[in-house]
Amino acid sequence: MKKGINVKEIVNFDFTEFRNSLAFADLANNLGEAMQRNGMMTEFTTEVEFTHIFEGL
């Protein structure tokens, strides 16, 4: 018998909010926000899909 699992994630990156923190994730967000505000980058979407089949269960 085979069983499977499929995971799909779609993430939209749109840096429109400045974050007031020194945490790495917030600093990276602020860099994206500044680049987007100055026309150096536009919003983008990433998509990842993973499928795994379990055999012999």
C-alpha atoms as a PDB file:
ATOM      1  CA  MET A   1       0.000   0.000   0.000  1.00  0.00           C
ATOM      2  CA  LYS A   2       1.244   3.488  -0.855  1.00  0.00           C
ATOM      3  CA  LYS A   3       0.415   6.669   0.988  1.00  0.00           C
ATOM      4  CA  GLY A   4       1.591  10.144   0.114  1.00  0.00           C
ATOM      5  CA  ILE A   5       1.861  13.612   1.485  1.00  0.00           C
ATOM      6  CA  ASN A   6       1.984  16.794  -0.562  1.00  0.00           C
ATOM      7  CA  VAL A   7       2.935  20.180   0.896  1.00  0.00           C
ATOM      8  CA  LYS A   8       2.719  23.397  -1.108  1.00  0.00           C
ATOM      9  CA  GLU A   9       3.597  26.877   0.120  1.00  0.00           C
ATOM     10  CA  ILE A  10       3.196  30.152  -1.735  1.00  0.00           C
ATOM     11  CA  VAL A  11       4.696  33.272  -0.128  1.00  0.00           C
ATOM     12  CA  ASN A  12       4.295  36.837  -1.332  1.00  0.00           C
ATOM     13  CA  PHE A  13       7.128  39.187  -0.365  1.00  0.00           C
ATOM     14  CA  ASP A  14       5.933  42.786  -0.290  1.00  0.00           C
ATOM     15  CA  PHE A  15       8.062  44.965   1.971  1.00  0.00           C
ATOM     16  CA  THR A  16       5.758  47.865   2.837  1.00  0.00           C
ATOM     17  CA  GLU A  17       6.270  48.036   6.591  1.00  0.00           C
ATOM     18  CA  PHE A  18       9.307  49.399   8.472  1.00  0.00           C
ATOM     19  CA  ARG A  19      10.044  47.411  11.643  1.00  0.00           C
ATOM     20  CA  ASN A  20      11.564  49.098  14.673  1.00  0.00           C
ATOM     21  CA  SER A  21      13.805  46.291  15.942  1.00  0.00           C
ATOM     22  CA  LEU A  22      17.407  45.139  15.697  1.00  0.00           C
ATOM     23  CA  ALA A  23      16.489  41.474  15.239  1.00  0.00           C
ATOM     24  CA  PHE A  24      18.045  40.006  12.076  1.00  0.00           C
ATOM     25  CA  ALA A  25      14.666  39.242  10.437  1.00  0.00           C
ATOM     26  CA  ASP A  26      13.484  42.808  11.043  1.00  0.00           C
ATOM     27  CA  LEU A  27      16.712  44.324   9.710  1.00  0.00           C
ATOM     28  CA  ALA A  28      16.415  42.162   6.573  1.00  0.00           C
ATOM     29  CA  ASN A  29      12.796  43.305   6.193  1.00  0.00           C
ATOM     30  CA  ASN A  30      13.855  46.945   6.532  1.00  0.00           C
ATOM     31  CA  LEU A  31      16.476  46.469   3.819  1.00  0.00           C
ATOM     32  CA  GLY A  32      13.780  45.045   1.541  1.00  0.00           C
ATOM     33  CA  GLU A  33      11.453  47.916   2.411  1.00  0.00           C
ATOM     34  CA  ALA A  34      14.129  50.521   1.585  1.00  0.00           C
ATOM     35  CA  MET A  35      15.024  48.787  -1.697  1.00  0.00           C
ATOM     36  CA  GLN A  36      11.381  48.525  -2.713  1.00  0.00           C
ATOM     37  CA  ARG A  37      10.678  52.155  -1.761  1.00  0.00           C
ATOM     38  CA  ASN A  38      13.632  53.303  -3.919  1.00  0.00           C
ATOM     39  CA  GLY A  39      12.676  51.160  -6.920  1.00  0.00           C
ATOM     40  CA  MET A  40      15.626  48.778  -6.561  1.00  0.00           C
ATOM     41  CA  MET A  41      13.313  45.801  -5.993  1.00  0.00           C
ATOM     42  CA  THR A  42       9.666  44.944  -6.575  1.00  0.00           C
ATOM     43  CA  GLU A  43       7.387  42.590  -4.699  1.00  0.00           C
ATOM     44  CA  PHE A  44       7.758  38.937  -5.669  1.00  0.00           C
ATOM     45  CA  THR A  45       6.213  35.550  -4.997  1.00  0.00           C
ATOM     46  CA  THR A  46       7.950  32.263  -4.296  1.00  0.00           C
ATOM     47  CA  GLU A  47       6.377  28.831  -4.541  1.00  0.00           C
ATOM     48  CA  VAL A  48       7.679  25.562  -3.114  1.00  0.00           C
ATOM     49  CA  GLU A  49       6.071  22.140  -3.454  1.00  0.00           C
ATOM     50  CA  PHE A  50       7.181  18.905  -1.801  1.00  0.00           C
ATOM     51  CA  THR A  51       5.721  15.437  -2.362  1.00  0.00           C
ATOM     52  CA  HIS A  52       6.741  12.246  -0.594  1.00  0.00           C
ATOM     53  CA  ILE A  53       5.334   8.754  -1.216  1.00  0.00           C
ATOM     54  CA  PHE A  54       5.466   6.233   1.625  1.00  0.00           C
ATOM     55  CA  GLU A  55       5.713   2.673   0.287  1.00  0.00           C
ATOM     56  CA  GLY A  56       5.145  -0.591   2.131  1.00  0.00           C
ATOM     57  CA  LEU A  57       3.060   0.765   5.001  1.00  0.00           C
END
